[in-house]
N, C-alpha and C. Protein backbone atom coordinates (compact mmCIF):
# COMPACT_ATOMS: atom_id res chain seq x y z
N MET A 1 26.87 89.75 -167.45
CA MET A 1 28.09 89.67 -167.57
C MET A 1 29.37 89.82 -168.21
N THR A 2 29.71 89.36 -168.06
CA THR A 2 31.66 90.26 -168.81
C THR A 2 31.57 90.52 -169.30
N ALA A 3 31.80 92.38 -168.53
CA ALA A 3 32.57 93.25 -169.65
C ALA A 3 33.21 92.71 -170.99
N GLY A 4 33.33 92.92 -171.87
CA GLY A 4 33.71 92.67 -173.33
C GLY A 4 33.10 91.58 -173.87
N LEU A 5 31.64 90.73 -173.12
CA LEU A 5 31.51 89.23 -173.72
C LEU A 5 30.08 89.97 -174.46
N ASP A 6 29.78 88.90 -175.43
CA ASP A 6 28.96 89.66 -176.83
C ASP A 6 28.30 88.43 -177.32
N ILE A 7 26.99 88.25 -177.03
CA ILE A 7 26.96 87.34 -177.49
C ILE A 7 25.58 87.63 -178.53
N ARG A 8 25.96 87.32 -179.57
CA ARG A 8 24.42 87.71 -180.60
C ARG A 8 24.55 86.26 -181.94
N GLU A 9 23.64 86.71 -182.71
CA GLU A 9 23.08 85.12 -183.74
C GLU A 9 24.44 86.02 -185.44
N ALA A 10 24.62 84.08 -185.11
CA ALA A 10 25.42 84.23 -186.59
C ALA A 10 24.70 84.57 -187.56
N ARG A 11 25.20 85.54 -188.14
CA ARG A 11 24.38 85.54 -189.86
C ARG A 11 25.70 86.07 -191.00
N THR A 12 26.45 86.30 -191.18
CA THR A 12 28.27 87.18 -191.87
C THR A 12 28.64 85.08 -191.76
N PRO A 13 28.94 85.34 -193.21
CA PRO A 13 30.71 84.25 -193.95
C PRO A 13 30.94 84.60 -192.63
N GLU A 14 31.49 84.73 -191.97
CA GLU A 14 32.84 84.97 -191.45
C GLU A 14 32.54 84.61 -189.42
N ASP A 15 30.64 84.87 -189.73
CA ASP A 15 30.28 84.28 -188.63
C ASP A 15 30.49 83.01 -188.32
N PHE A 16 30.14 82.58 -189.41
CA PHE A 16 29.73 80.99 -189.51
C PHE A 16 30.87 80.07 -190.00
N ASP A 17 31.67 80.57 -190.23
CA ASP A 17 33.61 80.34 -190.29
C ASP A 17 34.07 80.26 -188.97
N ALA A 18 33.56 81.31 -187.76
CA ALA A 18 33.65 81.01 -186.61
C ALA A 18 33.25 80.25 -186.18
N VAL A 19 31.70 79.93 -186.23
CA VAL A 19 31.38 78.99 -185.27
C VAL A 19 31.96 77.91 -186.03
N ARG A 20 32.31 77.22 -187.68
CA ARG A 20 32.29 76.21 -187.19
C ARG A 20 33.74 75.52 -186.41
N ASP A 21 35.11 76.83 -186.85
CA ASP A 21 36.23 76.54 -185.83
C ASP A 21 35.69 76.17 -185.27
N LEU A 22 34.86 77.44 -183.98
CA LEU A 22 35.13 76.72 -182.60
C LEU A 22 34.25 75.18 -182.70
N CYS A 23 33.57 74.71 -183.55
CA CYS A 23 33.16 73.56 -183.76
C CYS A 23 33.47 72.63 -184.03
N TRP A 24 34.83 72.60 -184.38
CA TRP A 24 35.87 71.40 -184.74
C TRP A 24 36.47 71.40 -183.04
N ASP A 25 37.59 72.63 -182.41
CA ASP A 25 37.43 72.77 -182.01
C ASP A 25 36.43 72.24 -180.85
N TYR A 26 35.62 71.81 -180.50
CA TYR A 26 35.04 71.13 -179.53
C TYR A 26 34.70 69.80 -180.05
N ARG A 27 34.62 69.31 -181.06
CA ARG A 27 34.66 67.63 -181.95
C ARG A 27 36.26 67.17 -180.91
N ASP A 28 37.55 68.63 -181.21
CA ASP A 28 38.66 67.94 -180.66
C ASP A 28 38.77 67.62 -178.96
N PHE A 29 38.26 68.75 -178.09
CA PHE A 29 38.10 68.58 -176.42
C PHE A 29 37.37 67.50 -176.68
N LEU A 30 36.53 66.74 -177.53
CA LEU A 30 35.50 65.41 -176.78
C LEU A 30 36.30 64.32 -177.42
N LEU A 31 36.98 64.42 -178.51
CA LEU A 31 38.12 63.49 -178.42
C LEU A 31 39.25 63.42 -177.32
N GLU A 32 39.03 64.30 -176.81
CA GLU A 32 40.53 64.53 -175.50
C GLU A 32 40.42 63.54 -174.10
N LEU A 33 38.96 63.61 -173.89
CA LEU A 33 38.72 63.30 -172.89
C LEU A 33 38.37 61.90 -172.06
N GLY A 34 39.32 61.38 -172.91
CA GLY A 34 39.18 59.17 -172.90
C GLY A 34 38.76 58.75 -174.04
N PRO A 35 38.70 57.12 -173.62
CA PRO A 35 39.27 56.92 -175.12
C PRO A 35 37.49 56.31 -175.15
N LYS A 36 36.66 56.39 -173.93
CA LYS A 36 35.37 56.15 -173.92
C LYS A 36 34.41 56.97 -175.22
N ASP A 37 35.17 58.51 -175.08
CA ASP A 37 34.53 59.83 -175.40
C ASP A 37 34.93 60.38 -176.94
N ALA A 38 36.29 58.96 -177.08
CA ALA A 38 36.51 59.49 -178.39
C ALA A 38 35.71 58.41 -179.04
N ALA A 39 35.55 57.41 -178.62
CA ALA A 39 34.55 56.26 -179.33
C ALA A 39 33.38 57.33 -180.05
N ILE A 40 32.73 57.47 -179.07
CA ILE A 40 31.90 57.97 -178.43
C ILE A 40 31.30 59.18 -180.03
N VAL A 41 32.49 60.18 -179.84
CA VAL A 41 32.41 61.06 -180.56
C VAL A 41 32.49 60.73 -182.30
N ARG A 42 33.49 59.58 -182.01
CA ARG A 42 33.73 59.06 -183.94
C ARG A 42 32.10 58.68 -184.43
N HIS A 43 31.65 57.86 -182.93
CA HIS A 43 30.30 56.84 -183.42
C HIS A 43 29.60 58.39 -184.05
N PHE A 44 29.11 58.80 -183.03
CA PHE A 44 27.71 60.06 -183.84
C PHE A 44 28.65 61.62 -184.99
N TYR A 45 30.30 61.75 -185.01
CA TYR A 45 31.01 62.65 -185.50
C TYR A 45 31.60 62.17 -186.11
N PRO A 46 31.72 61.22 -186.85
CA PRO A 46 32.54 60.87 -187.76
C PRO A 46 33.57 61.73 -188.65
N ARG A 47 34.72 62.49 -189.02
CA ARG A 47 34.53 63.15 -189.49
C ARG A 47 34.39 63.93 -191.20
N ASP A 48 33.89 63.14 -191.44
CA ASP A 48 32.95 63.07 -193.06
C ASP A 48 31.95 64.00 -192.29
N GLY A 49 31.03 62.95 -192.06
CA GLY A 49 29.74 63.39 -191.46
C GLY A 49 29.78 64.85 -190.94
N TYR A 50 30.81 65.07 -189.58
CA TYR A 50 30.88 66.09 -188.99
C TYR A 50 31.26 67.39 -189.86
N ALA A 51 31.96 66.86 -191.13
CA ALA A 51 32.09 68.24 -192.45
C ALA A 51 30.84 68.39 -193.03
N LYS A 52 30.05 67.63 -193.21
CA LYS A 52 28.54 67.79 -193.32
C LYS A 52 27.81 68.64 -193.35
N VAL A 53 27.53 68.12 -191.80
CA VAL A 53 27.12 68.91 -190.69
C VAL A 53 27.38 70.62 -190.75
N MET A 54 28.76 70.45 -190.43
CA MET A 54 29.55 72.06 -190.27
C MET A 54 29.03 72.70 -191.87
N ALA A 55 28.97 71.90 -193.04
CA ALA A 55 29.00 72.41 -194.01
C ALA A 55 27.33 72.93 -193.86
N ARG A 56 26.04 72.94 -193.10
CA ARG A 56 24.97 72.81 -193.50
C ARG A 56 24.55 73.99 -192.72
N LEU A 57 25.15 74.41 -191.92
CA LEU A 57 24.84 75.35 -190.40
C LEU A 57 24.27 76.71 -191.20
N GLU A 58 24.04 77.45 -191.94
CA GLU A 58 23.40 78.06 -191.95
C GLU A 58 22.16 78.12 -192.59
N THR A 59 21.81 77.01 -193.13
CA THR A 59 20.75 75.91 -193.59
C THR A 59 18.94 75.34 -192.10
N ASP A 60 20.57 74.69 -192.05
CA ASP A 60 20.04 73.67 -190.62
C ASP A 60 20.08 74.40 -189.49
N HIS A 61 19.79 75.78 -189.12
CA HIS A 61 20.34 76.12 -188.13
C HIS A 61 20.11 77.78 -188.00
N ALA A 62 18.96 77.61 -189.07
CA ALA A 62 18.59 79.07 -189.31
C ALA A 62 16.84 79.53 -189.02
N PRO A 63 16.84 80.70 -188.63
CA PRO A 63 15.21 81.18 -188.58
C PRO A 63 14.61 80.83 -190.03
N PRO A 64 13.22 79.96 -189.68
CA PRO A 64 12.55 79.79 -188.26
C PRO A 64 12.26 78.56 -188.04
N SER A 65 13.67 78.08 -187.84
CA SER A 65 13.03 76.42 -186.78
C SER A 65 14.47 76.72 -186.09
N GLY A 66 15.14 77.13 -186.25
CA GLY A 66 16.86 76.94 -185.83
C GLY A 66 17.29 78.50 -185.74
N SER A 67 18.67 78.40 -184.62
CA SER A 67 19.53 79.95 -184.65
C SER A 67 21.12 79.02 -184.31
N VAL A 68 22.06 80.13 -184.55
CA VAL A 68 23.20 79.87 -184.33
C VAL A 68 23.88 80.82 -183.07
N LYS A 69 24.36 80.88 -182.59
CA LYS A 69 25.26 81.99 -181.36
C LYS A 69 26.53 82.25 -181.57
N LEU A 70 27.04 83.13 -181.17
CA LEU A 70 28.18 83.53 -181.40
C LEU A 70 28.35 84.26 -180.15
N ALA A 71 29.57 83.77 -179.35
CA ALA A 71 29.51 84.35 -178.26
C ALA A 71 31.26 85.06 -178.80
N ARG A 72 31.59 85.94 -178.73
CA ARG A 72 32.96 86.86 -178.76
C ARG A 72 32.90 87.53 -176.77
N LEU A 73 34.62 87.63 -176.92
CA LEU A 73 35.28 88.17 -175.87
C LEU A 73 36.74 89.52 -176.18
N ASP A 74 36.03 90.80 -175.35
CA ASP A 74 37.02 91.74 -176.64
C ASP A 74 36.84 91.10 -178.06
N GLY A 75 35.99 90.90 -178.83
CA GLY A 75 36.48 91.02 -179.91
C GLY A 75 36.58 89.31 -180.95
N ALA A 76 36.72 88.66 -180.20
CA ALA A 76 37.73 87.32 -180.07
C ALA A 76 36.60 86.45 -180.23
N ALA A 77 36.39 84.93 -181.32
CA ALA A 77 35.19 84.46 -180.86
C ALA A 77 35.61 82.91 -180.15
N VAL A 78 35.10 83.23 -179.16
CA VAL A 78 35.24 82.43 -177.91
C VAL A 78 34.27 80.80 -177.44
N GLY A 79 32.74 80.98 -178.08
CA GLY A 79 32.13 80.32 -177.85
C GLY A 79 30.70 80.01 -178.81
N CYS A 80 29.84 78.71 -178.65
CA CYS A 80 29.40 79.10 -179.87
C CYS A 80 27.82 77.92 -178.98
N GLY A 81 27.06 77.85 -179.20
CA GLY A 81 26.11 76.97 -178.97
C GLY A 81 25.27 77.35 -180.72
N MET A 82 24.07 76.62 -180.67
CA MET A 82 23.17 76.66 -181.50
C MET A 82 21.60 75.46 -181.18
N LEU A 83 20.19 76.19 -181.81
CA LEU A 83 19.32 75.41 -181.65
C LEU A 83 18.65 74.99 -182.65
N HIS A 84 17.52 74.34 -182.42
CA HIS A 84 16.94 73.74 -183.83
C HIS A 84 15.77 72.83 -183.62
N ARG A 85 14.28 73.05 -184.57
CA ARG A 85 13.60 72.26 -183.68
C ARG A 85 13.80 71.07 -184.28
N LEU A 86 13.10 70.30 -183.13
CA LEU A 86 13.38 68.64 -183.18
C LEU A 86 11.92 68.40 -183.43
N GLU A 87 10.58 68.56 -183.35
CA GLU A 87 9.59 68.54 -183.00
C GLU A 87 8.74 69.53 -182.90
N PRO A 88 7.98 69.76 -183.39
CA PRO A 88 6.39 70.84 -183.22
C PRO A 88 6.51 70.82 -181.52
N GLY A 89 6.48 72.55 -181.20
CA GLY A 89 6.94 72.62 -179.56
C GLY A 89 8.37 72.29 -179.13
N THR A 90 8.85 71.73 -179.81
CA THR A 90 10.32 71.14 -178.38
C THR A 90 11.23 71.26 -179.78
N ALA A 91 12.70 72.00 -178.86
CA ALA A 91 13.46 72.59 -179.45
C ALA A 91 15.18 71.89 -179.31
N GLU A 92 15.82 71.49 -179.59
CA GLU A 92 16.79 70.86 -178.77
C GLU A 92 18.12 71.38 -179.39
N ILE A 93 19.06 72.29 -178.03
CA ILE A 93 20.23 72.66 -177.87
C ILE A 93 21.41 71.69 -178.50
N LYS A 94 22.35 72.08 -179.01
CA LYS A 94 23.32 71.54 -179.27
C LYS A 94 25.25 72.77 -179.42
N ARG A 95 25.80 71.53 -179.60
CA ARG A 95 27.54 71.78 -179.67
C ARG A 95 27.15 73.17 -179.28
N VAL A 96 26.74 73.31 -177.60
CA VAL A 96 27.85 74.51 -176.79
C VAL A 96 28.94 75.02 -175.91
N TYR A 97 29.85 75.08 -176.70
CA TYR A 97 31.05 75.15 -176.35
C TYR A 97 31.56 76.10 -176.25
N VAL A 98 32.64 76.42 -175.24
CA VAL A 98 33.28 78.24 -174.87
C VAL A 98 34.94 77.42 -174.64
N ARG A 99 35.58 77.77 -175.34
CA ARG A 99 37.40 77.73 -175.13
C ARG A 99 38.05 78.44 -174.06
N ASP A 100 38.69 77.72 -173.15
CA ASP A 100 40.26 78.05 -172.49
C ASP A 100 39.21 78.76 -171.68
N ALA A 101 40.51 80.05 -172.80
CA ALA A 101 39.91 81.03 -172.67
C ALA A 101 39.48 82.29 -172.29
N ALA A 102 37.96 82.29 -172.10
CA ALA A 102 36.80 82.27 -171.76
C ALA A 102 36.07 81.70 -170.63
N ARG A 103 36.89 80.43 -170.53
CA ARG A 103 35.70 79.96 -169.02
C ARG A 103 35.81 80.34 -168.13
N GLY A 104 34.71 80.13 -167.37
CA GLY A 104 34.41 80.56 -165.57
C GLY A 104 34.27 82.50 -165.65
N ARG A 105 34.58 82.46 -166.63
CA ARG A 105 34.12 84.49 -167.46
C ARG A 105 32.42 84.59 -167.79
N GLY A 106 31.81 83.56 -167.80
CA GLY A 106 30.22 84.05 -167.79
C GLY A 106 29.83 83.48 -169.22
N ALA A 107 30.64 83.54 -169.70
CA ALA A 107 30.47 82.95 -171.01
C ALA A 107 29.64 82.04 -171.60
N GLY A 108 29.78 80.78 -170.70
CA GLY A 108 29.24 79.76 -171.18
C GLY A 108 27.23 79.35 -170.61
N ARG A 109 27.12 80.43 -169.70
CA ARG A 109 25.83 80.99 -168.92
C ARG A 109 25.16 81.99 -170.15
N ALA A 110 25.75 82.96 -170.08
CA ALA A 110 25.30 83.68 -171.49
C ALA A 110 24.92 83.28 -172.48
N LEU A 111 25.54 82.25 -173.07
CA LEU A 111 25.46 82.05 -174.63
C LEU A 111 24.02 80.85 -174.02
N MET A 112 24.12 80.27 -172.82
CA MET A 112 22.81 79.16 -172.97
C MET A 112 21.44 80.74 -172.68
N GLN A 113 21.61 81.45 -171.74
CA GLN A 113 20.75 81.76 -171.68
C GLN A 113 20.14 83.08 -173.06
N ALA A 114 20.77 83.23 -173.59
CA ALA A 114 20.61 83.44 -175.33
C ALA A 114 20.21 82.88 -175.88
N LEU A 115 20.47 80.83 -176.13
CA LEU A 115 19.49 80.23 -176.60
C LEU A 115 18.31 79.81 -175.85
N ILE A 116 17.84 79.70 -174.27
CA ILE A 116 16.56 79.69 -173.92
C ILE A 116 15.52 81.25 -174.57
N ALA A 117 16.30 81.98 -174.25
CA ALA A 117 15.31 83.74 -174.44
C ALA A 117 15.53 82.94 -176.50
N GLN A 118 15.59 82.56 -176.97
CA GLN A 118 15.46 82.39 -178.40
C GLN A 118 14.40 81.09 -178.38
N CYS A 119 14.87 79.98 -177.41
CA CYS A 119 13.44 79.31 -177.66
C CYS A 119 12.13 80.09 -177.21
N ARG A 120 12.75 80.73 -176.31
CA ARG A 120 11.14 81.14 -175.81
C ARG A 120 10.40 81.98 -176.91
N ASP A 121 11.10 82.61 -177.56
CA ASP A 121 10.75 83.92 -178.76
C ASP A 121 9.98 83.38 -179.38
N MET A 122 11.19 82.37 -179.89
CA MET A 122 10.52 80.86 -180.88
C MET A 122 9.10 80.07 -180.92
N GLY A 123 8.47 80.12 -179.26
CA GLY A 123 7.30 79.86 -179.39
C GLY A 123 7.77 77.94 -179.13
N PHE A 124 8.37 77.61 -179.17
CA PHE A 124 8.96 76.48 -177.95
C PHE A 124 8.57 76.24 -176.92
N ARG A 125 8.07 75.14 -175.98
CA ARG A 125 7.51 74.87 -175.23
C ARG A 125 8.67 73.88 -174.25
N ARG A 126 9.44 73.77 -174.95
CA ARG A 126 10.11 72.55 -174.54
C ARG A 126 11.10 72.65 -175.39
N ILE A 127 12.80 72.27 -173.82
CA ILE A 127 13.58 72.42 -174.70
C ILE A 127 14.50 70.85 -174.25
N LEU A 128 14.99 70.67 -175.06
CA LEU A 128 15.72 68.94 -174.63
C LEU A 128 17.35 68.57 -175.02
N MET A 129 18.33 68.32 -174.58
CA MET A 129 19.70 68.22 -174.29
C MET A 129 20.71 67.46 -174.25
N ASP A 130 20.94 67.18 -174.66
CA ASP A 130 22.03 66.46 -173.64
C ASP A 130 24.15 66.92 -173.41
N THR A 131 24.26 65.57 -172.81
CA THR A 131 25.75 66.27 -171.98
C THR A 131 26.62 64.87 -171.63
N GLY A 132 27.51 64.58 -172.11
CA GLY A 132 28.72 63.70 -171.03
C GLY A 132 28.90 63.43 -170.47
N LYS A 133 28.90 62.19 -169.60
CA LYS A 133 29.30 62.29 -167.85
C LYS A 133 30.39 63.10 -167.44
N PRO A 134 31.45 62.85 -168.75
CA PRO A 134 32.52 63.93 -167.77
C PRO A 134 32.30 65.09 -167.60
N LEU A 135 31.75 65.57 -168.54
CA LEU A 135 31.10 67.24 -168.23
C LEU A 135 30.92 67.71 -167.42
N THR A 136 31.07 67.18 -166.35
CA THR A 136 30.43 67.50 -164.86
C THR A 136 30.22 69.90 -164.44
N THR A 137 30.61 70.73 -164.72
CA THR A 137 30.74 71.49 -165.11
C THR A 137 29.51 71.89 -166.56
N ALA A 138 29.42 71.66 -167.61
CA ALA A 138 28.21 71.92 -168.01
C ALA A 138 27.04 71.36 -167.15
N THR A 139 27.11 69.98 -166.81
CA THR A 139 26.12 69.78 -166.10
C THR A 139 25.82 70.48 -165.21
N ALA A 140 26.36 70.74 -163.89
CA ALA A 140 25.91 72.48 -162.98
C ALA A 140 26.08 72.88 -163.59
N LEU A 141 25.55 73.55 -165.02
CA LEU A 141 25.41 74.59 -164.99
C LEU A 141 23.93 74.12 -165.66
N TYR A 142 24.00 73.37 -166.19
CA TYR A 142 22.18 73.11 -166.59
C TYR A 142 21.55 73.22 -166.02
N LEU A 143 21.59 72.37 -164.91
CA LEU A 143 20.93 71.71 -163.36
C LEU A 143 20.84 73.14 -163.19
N SER A 144 21.91 73.98 -162.23
CA SER A 144 21.66 75.50 -162.25
C SER A 144 20.77 76.86 -163.20
N MET A 145 20.14 75.95 -163.91
CA MET A 145 19.45 77.26 -164.71
C MET A 145 18.47 76.83 -165.17
N GLY A 146 17.20 75.59 -164.61
CA GLY A 146 17.13 75.01 -164.57
C GLY A 146 15.90 73.79 -165.38
N PHE A 147 17.75 73.74 -166.10
CA PHE A 147 17.13 72.42 -166.72
C PHE A 147 16.64 70.56 -165.90
N ARG A 148 16.16 70.56 -165.71
CA ARG A 148 15.78 68.82 -165.93
C ARG A 148 16.51 66.86 -165.70
N LEU A 149 16.57 66.61 -165.37
CA LEU A 149 17.24 65.65 -165.51
C LEU A 149 16.12 64.69 -166.26
N ARG A 150 16.42 63.86 -167.36
CA ARG A 150 15.15 63.41 -167.44
C ARG A 150 16.13 61.36 -168.86
N GLY A 151 14.89 60.70 -169.03
CA GLY A 151 15.89 59.75 -169.69
C GLY A 151 16.39 60.63 -171.08
N PRO A 152 16.94 59.59 -171.89
CA PRO A 152 16.71 59.85 -173.93
C PRO A 152 15.55 59.58 -174.36
N TYR A 153 15.75 60.65 -175.14
CA TYR A 153 15.10 61.88 -175.97
C TYR A 153 15.22 60.78 -177.39
N GLN A 154 15.90 60.41 -177.18
CA GLN A 154 16.26 59.41 -179.01
C GLN A 154 16.79 58.24 -178.94
N PRO A 155 16.65 57.69 -179.76
CA PRO A 155 17.47 56.35 -179.56
C PRO A 155 19.09 56.65 -179.41
N VAL A 156 19.30 55.73 -178.45
CA VAL A 156 21.44 55.91 -178.24
C VAL A 156 21.96 54.15 -178.25
N PRO A 157 22.42 54.57 -179.09
CA PRO A 157 23.61 53.27 -179.10
C PRO A 157 24.49 52.76 -177.60
N ASP A 158 23.77 51.61 -177.58
CA ASP A 158 24.90 50.74 -176.81
C ASP A 158 26.26 51.52 -175.77
N LEU A 159 27.15 51.69 -176.75
CA LEU A 159 27.96 52.36 -176.28
C LEU A 159 28.13 53.31 -175.72
N ALA A 160 27.03 54.14 -175.58
CA ALA A 160 26.85 55.55 -174.78
C ALA A 160 25.87 55.66 -174.07
N LYS A 161 25.22 54.75 -174.37
CA LYS A 161 24.21 53.77 -172.80
C LYS A 161 24.36 55.34 -171.42
N ASP A 162 25.10 54.83 -171.16
CA ASP A 162 25.50 54.82 -169.92
C ASP A 162 26.58 55.89 -169.40
N HIS A 163 26.60 56.51 -171.30
CA HIS A 163 28.34 57.50 -171.18
C HIS A 163 27.11 59.10 -171.42
N LEU A 164 25.90 59.27 -171.31
CA LEU A 164 24.82 60.35 -171.57
C LEU A 164 24.00 60.86 -170.45
N ILE A 165 24.51 62.22 -170.72
CA ILE A 165 22.86 62.98 -169.28
C ILE A 165 22.03 63.43 -170.92
N PHE A 166 20.96 63.61 -169.73
CA PHE A 166 19.97 63.97 -171.20
C PHE A 166 19.34 65.05 -170.70
N PHE A 167 18.99 66.32 -170.50
CA PHE A 167 18.09 67.46 -169.46
C PHE A 167 17.03 67.63 -170.60
N GLN A 168 15.83 68.38 -169.55
CA GLN A 168 14.69 68.87 -170.64
C GLN A 168 14.40 70.08 -169.47
N MET A 169 13.83 70.98 -170.51
CA MET A 169 13.20 72.32 -169.68
C MET A 169 11.79 72.69 -170.99
N ASP A 170 11.50 73.32 -169.23
CA ASP A 170 9.53 73.63 -169.73
C ASP A 170 10.07 74.48 -169.80
N LEU A 171 9.03 75.52 -170.90
CA LEU A 171 8.98 77.12 -171.07
C LEU A 171 7.93 77.13 -170.78
């Protein structure tokens, strides 16, 4: 792991504020990928709906059914990721994001390692997740960590059918 990189559970109001800022940056990042991605983001994460999700981070992703990780590089918040119980024995990893300043420095891999370890510690038997096809670096990371490609694990609107990639890791 990169010197100065720290991955830990978000616990304080300041931690959750940092995670919210990162999640809004992530949404903006996705909106800028292109018109198709922007349409999908607006469908899945309309501004008002996303604000409600952000307001519930402490409860919807809290133990014992979830976790929110915050990555700091030399004290600055640079990345986040979260998981929640999707169904008995199954966790879903969501909103893994690393700011430009920390990309290529191991923050994404470290976040994923922490999330996978948390899933194991919580007794989950499998992890599901998805990403957009333009996020080729993320796809390569997930595959290199032992995730395998699979079909959708939830209904997908026609708008996103050929634009999302789904993953599974059995623990």
